[in-house]
Amino acid sequence: MGLIYLAILLIALWLIIEILSIVLKITGLDFYKARFQVISMITHTGFTTRESELIVQHPLRRKIASVLMVISYIAQASVISLLFSAITSDQNSLIFIVISLFILGIFVFA
């Protein structure tokens, strides 16, 4: 059951990345820069580039970034709790962990 929750969570994150990239593009930002900034906000890395100033200086983009940062903290807590619950349960925990890491790897490298 935890694997289904993990898959749903990753699909939701992927949809959030795509939707918010399009929303930032509508505000005038280049699509590829927008996608990079959305991924940077979700992973909490690389958000100190010159391009991030384009987000911070625009009021609507700043609101989008704030919402995305909160969503990313909730998603990270959910993934961590799913992995810990899989480790502590006795039923097929090794299989769940291997499949979860495989799905996370596909999500990261896709």
N, C-alpha and C. Protein backbone atom coordinates (compact mmCIF):
# COMPACT_ATOMS: atom_id res chain seq x y z
N MET A 1 0.82 -1.20 0.00
CA MET A 1 0.00 0.00 0.00
C MET A 1 0.86 1.26 0.00
N GLY A 2 1.99 1.20 0.70
CA GLY A 2 2.88 2.35 0.75
C GLY A 2 3.45 2.69 -0.60
N LEU A 3 3.64 1.66 -1.43
CA LEU A 3 4.17 1.89 -2.78
C LEU A 3 3.19 2.69 -3.62
N ILE A 4 1.92 2.42 -3.44
CA ILE A 4 0.90 3.18 -4.17
C ILE A 4 0.91 4.63 -3.73
N TYR A 5 1.01 4.85 -2.42
CA TYR A 5 1.08 6.23 -1.91
C TYR A 5 2.31 6.96 -2.45
N LEU A 6 3.42 6.27 -2.50
CA LEU A 6 4.64 6.88 -3.01
C LEU A 6 4.49 7.23 -4.49
N ALA A 7 3.90 6.34 -5.26
CA ALA A 7 3.69 6.61 -6.69
C ALA A 7 2.75 7.78 -6.88
N ILE A 8 1.69 7.84 -6.09
CA ILE A 8 0.74 8.96 -6.19
C ILE A 8 1.43 10.27 -5.82
N LEU A 9 2.24 10.24 -4.79
CA LEU A 9 2.96 11.45 -4.37
C LEU A 9 3.93 11.92 -5.45
N LEU A 10 4.66 11.00 -6.07
CA LEU A 10 5.61 11.39 -7.11
C LEU A 10 4.90 11.90 -8.36
N ILE A 11 3.79 11.30 -8.71
CA ILE A 11 3.02 11.79 -9.85
C ILE A 11 2.48 13.19 -9.56
N ALA A 12 2.02 13.40 -8.33
CA ALA A 12 1.53 14.73 -7.95
C ALA A 12 2.65 15.76 -8.01
N LEU A 13 3.84 15.40 -7.55
CA LEU A 13 4.98 16.33 -7.64
C LEU A 13 5.34 16.63 -9.09
N TRP A 14 5.30 15.61 -9.93
CA TRP A 14 5.60 15.82 -11.35
C TRP A 14 4.57 16.77 -11.97
N LEU A 15 3.29 16.58 -11.65
CA LEU A 15 2.26 17.47 -12.17
C LEU A 15 2.44 18.89 -11.65
N ILE A 16 2.81 19.03 -10.39
CA ILE A 16 3.06 20.36 -9.83
C ILE A 16 4.20 21.04 -10.56
N ILE A 17 5.27 20.30 -10.84
CA ILE A 17 6.40 20.87 -11.57
C ILE A 17 5.95 21.36 -12.95
N GLU A 18 5.21 20.54 -13.66
CA GLU A 18 4.78 20.92 -15.00
C GLU A 18 3.81 22.09 -14.98
N ILE A 19 2.84 22.05 -14.09
CA ILE A 19 1.84 23.12 -14.04
C ILE A 19 2.47 24.44 -13.63
N LEU A 20 3.30 24.42 -12.60
CA LEU A 20 3.91 25.68 -12.16
C LEU A 20 4.95 26.20 -13.14
N SER A 21 5.57 25.32 -13.90
CA SER A 21 6.47 25.78 -14.96
C SER A 21 5.68 26.54 -16.02
N ILE A 22 4.52 26.03 -16.35
CA ILE A 22 3.66 26.72 -17.33
C ILE A 22 3.14 28.04 -16.77
N VAL A 23 2.77 28.04 -15.49
CA VAL A 23 2.29 29.28 -14.86
C VAL A 23 3.39 30.33 -14.85
N LEU A 24 4.61 29.94 -14.52
CA LEU A 24 5.72 30.91 -14.54
C LEU A 24 6.03 31.36 -15.96
N LYS A 25 5.83 30.50 -16.94
CA LYS A 25 6.01 30.89 -18.35
C LYS A 25 4.97 31.94 -18.73
N ILE A 26 3.74 31.78 -18.24
CA ILE A 26 2.68 32.75 -18.53
C ILE A 26 3.04 34.11 -17.95
N THR A 27 3.76 34.15 -16.84
CA THR A 27 4.16 35.42 -16.25
C THR A 27 5.32 36.08 -16.99
N GLY A 28 5.85 35.39 -18.02
CA GLY A 28 6.88 36.00 -18.83
C GLY A 28 8.25 35.37 -18.72
N LEU A 29 8.39 34.35 -17.93
CA LEU A 29 9.67 33.68 -17.75
C LEU A 29 9.84 32.60 -18.81
N ASP A 30 11.05 32.40 -19.29
CA ASP A 30 11.34 31.34 -20.23
C ASP A 30 10.97 29.98 -19.62
N PHE A 31 10.40 29.07 -20.43
CA PHE A 31 9.90 27.80 -19.90
C PHE A 31 11.00 26.97 -19.24
N TYR A 32 12.16 26.88 -19.87
CA TYR A 32 13.23 26.05 -19.31
C TYR A 32 13.81 26.66 -18.04
N LYS A 33 13.89 27.99 -18.01
CA LYS A 33 14.31 28.65 -16.77
C LYS A 33 13.26 28.46 -15.68
N ALA A 34 12.00 28.52 -16.08
CA ALA A 34 10.92 28.33 -15.11
C ALA A 34 10.95 26.92 -14.54
N ARG A 35 11.14 25.93 -15.38
CA ARG A 35 11.18 24.54 -14.90
C ARG A 35 12.37 24.35 -13.96
N PHE A 36 13.52 24.90 -14.32
CA PHE A 36 14.69 24.78 -13.45
C PHE A 36 14.43 25.42 -12.09
N GLN A 37 13.82 26.58 -12.10
CA GLN A 37 13.55 27.26 -10.84
C GLN A 37 12.52 26.50 -10.00
N VAL A 38 11.53 25.90 -10.64
CA VAL A 38 10.54 25.11 -9.90
C VAL A 38 11.21 23.89 -9.27
N ILE A 39 12.04 23.20 -10.03
CA ILE A 39 12.75 22.05 -9.49
C ILE A 39 13.70 22.48 -8.38
N SER A 40 14.33 23.63 -8.54
CA SER A 40 15.22 24.14 -7.49
C SER A 40 14.46 24.44 -6.21
N MET A 41 13.26 24.98 -6.35
CA MET A 41 12.46 25.28 -5.17
C MET A 41 11.98 24.01 -4.48
N ILE A 42 11.63 23.01 -5.26
CA ILE A 42 11.15 21.76 -4.67
C ILE A 42 12.27 21.03 -3.94
N THR A 43 13.46 21.01 -4.54
CA THR A 43 14.57 20.28 -3.93
C THR A 43 15.38 21.13 -2.97
N HIS A 44 15.08 22.41 -2.87
CA HIS A 44 15.78 23.34 -1.99
C HIS A 44 17.26 23.47 -2.36
N THR A 45 17.56 23.41 -3.63
CA THR A 45 18.93 23.55 -4.09
C THR A 45 18.98 24.49 -5.28
N GLY A 46 20.05 25.21 -5.41
CA GLY A 46 20.29 26.01 -6.61
C GLY A 46 19.40 27.21 -6.77
N PHE A 47 18.72 27.63 -5.73
CA PHE A 47 17.81 28.77 -5.86
C PHE A 47 18.51 30.08 -5.57
N THR A 48 19.82 30.15 -5.73
CA THR A 48 20.56 31.38 -5.49
C THR A 48 21.25 31.86 -6.76
N THR A 49 20.66 31.59 -7.90
CA THR A 49 21.24 32.01 -9.17
C THR A 49 20.73 33.39 -9.54
N ARG A 50 21.30 33.94 -10.59
CA ARG A 50 20.82 35.22 -11.09
C ARG A 50 19.38 35.13 -11.58
N GLU A 51 19.05 33.98 -12.10
CA GLU A 51 17.69 33.78 -12.60
C GLU A 51 16.67 33.78 -11.48
N SER A 52 17.10 33.45 -10.27
CA SER A 52 16.16 33.47 -9.14
C SER A 52 15.73 34.90 -8.82
N GLU A 53 16.54 35.87 -9.19
CA GLU A 53 16.14 37.27 -8.99
C GLU A 53 14.91 37.60 -9.83
N LEU A 54 14.76 36.94 -10.98
CA LEU A 54 13.57 37.15 -11.80
C LEU A 54 12.31 36.68 -11.07
N ILE A 55 12.46 35.69 -10.22
CA ILE A 55 11.32 35.19 -9.44
C ILE A 55 11.04 36.11 -8.26
N VAL A 56 12.08 36.49 -7.56
CA VAL A 56 11.92 37.27 -6.33
C VAL A 56 11.42 38.69 -6.62
N GLN A 57 11.77 39.25 -7.74
CA GLN A 57 11.40 40.63 -8.04
C GLN A 57 9.98 40.77 -8.58
N HIS A 58 9.32 39.71 -8.93
CA HIS A 58 7.97 39.75 -9.48
C HIS A 58 6.98 39.28 -8.41
N PRO A 59 5.95 40.06 -8.08
CA PRO A 59 5.08 39.70 -6.95
C PRO A 59 4.31 38.38 -7.14
N LEU A 60 3.80 38.11 -8.33
CA LEU A 60 3.07 36.87 -8.56
C LEU A 60 4.00 35.66 -8.52
N ARG A 61 5.16 35.80 -9.11
CA ARG A 61 6.14 34.70 -9.08
C ARG A 61 6.59 34.42 -7.65
N ARG A 62 6.71 35.47 -6.85
CA ARG A 62 7.11 35.30 -5.46
C ARG A 62 6.05 34.52 -4.68
N LYS A 63 4.77 34.79 -4.95
CA LYS A 63 3.70 34.05 -4.29
C LYS A 63 3.71 32.58 -4.72
N ILE A 64 3.92 32.34 -6.01
CA ILE A 64 4.02 30.97 -6.52
C ILE A 64 5.17 30.23 -5.84
N ALA A 65 6.30 30.90 -5.72
CA ALA A 65 7.47 30.29 -5.08
C ALA A 65 7.19 29.98 -3.61
N SER A 66 6.49 30.85 -2.93
CA SER A 66 6.17 30.62 -1.51
C SER A 66 5.29 29.39 -1.34
N VAL A 67 4.28 29.27 -2.18
CA VAL A 67 3.39 28.11 -2.11
C VAL A 67 4.15 26.84 -2.43
N LEU A 68 5.00 26.90 -3.43
CA LEU A 68 5.76 25.72 -3.83
C LEU A 68 6.73 25.28 -2.74
N MET A 69 7.32 26.21 -2.04
CA MET A 69 8.23 25.84 -0.95
C MET A 69 7.50 25.12 0.17
N VAL A 70 6.30 25.56 0.49
CA VAL A 70 5.51 24.88 1.52
C VAL A 70 5.11 23.49 1.05
N ILE A 71 4.67 23.38 -0.20
CA ILE A 71 4.30 22.08 -0.76
C ILE A 71 5.49 21.12 -0.73
N SER A 72 6.66 21.63 -1.05
CA SER A 72 7.82 20.75 -1.10
C SER A 72 8.20 20.23 0.29
N TYR A 73 8.04 21.03 1.32
CA TYR A 73 8.32 20.54 2.67
C TYR A 73 7.33 19.44 3.06
N ILE A 74 6.07 19.62 2.72
CA ILE A 74 5.07 18.60 3.01
C ILE A 74 5.37 17.32 2.24
N ALA A 75 5.77 17.44 0.98
CA ALA A 75 6.08 16.27 0.17
C ALA A 75 7.31 15.54 0.71
N GLN A 76 8.32 16.28 1.12
CA GLN A 76 9.51 15.63 1.67
C GLN A 76 9.18 14.88 2.95
N ALA A 77 8.37 15.48 3.80
CA ALA A 77 7.98 14.81 5.04
C ALA A 77 7.17 13.55 4.74
N SER A 78 6.34 13.62 3.71
CA SER A 78 5.54 12.44 3.34
C SER A 78 6.42 11.32 2.82
N VAL A 79 7.37 11.64 1.97
CA VAL A 79 8.26 10.61 1.42
C VAL A 79 9.09 9.98 2.54
N ILE A 80 9.59 10.79 3.43
CA ILE A 80 10.40 10.26 4.54
C ILE A 80 9.56 9.37 5.44
N SER A 81 8.33 9.79 5.74
CA SER A 81 7.49 8.96 6.60
C SER A 81 7.09 7.66 5.91
N LEU A 82 6.87 7.70 4.60
CA LEU A 82 6.57 6.46 3.87
C LEU A 82 7.75 5.50 3.90
N LEU A 83 8.95 6.03 3.72
CA LEU A 83 10.13 5.16 3.74
C LEU A 83 10.37 4.58 5.14
N PHE A 84 10.20 5.40 6.18
CA PHE A 84 10.39 4.88 7.54
C PHE A 84 9.33 3.87 7.92
N SER A 85 8.10 4.09 7.48
CA SER A 85 7.06 3.10 7.78
C SER A 85 7.33 1.80 7.05
N ALA A 86 7.92 1.88 5.87
CA ALA A 86 8.27 0.66 5.13
C ALA A 86 9.41 -0.08 5.82
N ILE A 87 10.35 0.64 6.38
CA ILE A 87 11.47 0.01 7.05
C ILE A 87 11.02 -0.67 8.34
N THR A 88 10.10 -0.04 9.07
CA THR A 88 9.67 -0.60 10.34
C THR A 88 8.67 -1.74 10.19
N SER A 89 7.96 -1.82 9.08
CA SER A 89 7.01 -2.92 8.91
C SER A 89 7.76 -4.17 8.48
N ASP A 90 7.23 -5.31 8.85
CA ASP A 90 7.89 -6.57 8.56
C ASP A 90 7.50 -7.14 7.19
N GLN A 91 6.43 -6.68 6.62
CA GLN A 91 5.92 -7.25 5.38
C GLN A 91 6.65 -6.68 4.18
N ASN A 92 7.45 -7.48 3.54
CA ASN A 92 8.10 -7.15 2.28
C ASN A 92 8.81 -5.79 2.31
N SER A 93 9.43 -5.45 3.42
CA SER A 93 10.03 -4.12 3.52
C SER A 93 11.22 -3.97 2.57
N LEU A 94 11.99 -5.01 2.36
CA LEU A 94 13.13 -4.92 1.45
C LEU A 94 12.67 -4.70 0.02
N ILE A 95 11.63 -5.41 -0.38
CA ILE A 95 11.09 -5.23 -1.74
C ILE A 95 10.55 -3.82 -1.90
N PHE A 96 9.83 -3.32 -0.90
CA PHE A 96 9.28 -1.96 -0.96
C PHE A 96 10.38 -0.93 -1.07
N ILE A 97 11.44 -1.08 -0.30
CA ILE A 97 12.54 -0.13 -0.32
C ILE A 97 13.23 -0.13 -1.68
N VAL A 98 13.47 -1.30 -2.24
CA VAL A 98 14.13 -1.39 -3.54
C VAL A 98 13.26 -0.77 -4.62
N ILE A 99 11.98 -1.09 -4.63
CA ILE A 99 11.07 -0.52 -5.64
C ILE A 99 10.93 0.98 -5.44
N SER A 100 10.86 1.44 -4.20
CA SER A 100 10.75 2.87 -3.92
C SER A 100 11.98 3.63 -4.41
N LEU A 101 13.16 3.09 -4.14
CA LEU A 101 14.38 3.74 -4.60
C LEU A 101 14.46 3.74 -6.12
N PHE A 102 13.99 2.68 -6.75
CA PHE A 102 13.96 2.63 -8.21
C PHE A 102 13.02 3.70 -8.77
N ILE A 103 11.83 3.82 -8.19
CA ILE A 103 10.87 4.83 -8.64
C ILE A 103 11.42 6.23 -8.41
N LEU A 104 12.04 6.45 -7.24
CA LEU A 104 12.64 7.77 -6.97
C LEU A 104 13.76 8.07 -7.96
N GLY A 105 14.56 7.06 -8.30
CA GLY A 105 15.63 7.26 -9.28
C GLY A 105 15.09 7.62 -10.65
N ILE A 106 14.03 6.95 -11.06
CA ILE A 106 13.41 7.28 -12.34
C ILE A 106 12.87 8.69 -12.31
N PHE A 107 12.25 9.07 -11.19
CA PHE A 107 11.69 10.42 -11.05
C PHE A 107 12.79 11.48 -11.11
N VAL A 108 13.90 11.22 -10.49
CA VAL A 108 14.99 12.20 -10.45
C VAL A 108 15.65 12.35 -11.82
N PHE A 109 15.87 11.22 -12.50
CA PHE A 109 16.61 11.27 -13.75
C PHE A 109 15.74 11.50 -14.97
N ALA A 110 14.42 11.51 -14.82
CA ALA A 110 13.52 11.72 -15.97
C ALA A 110 13.40 13.16 -16.33
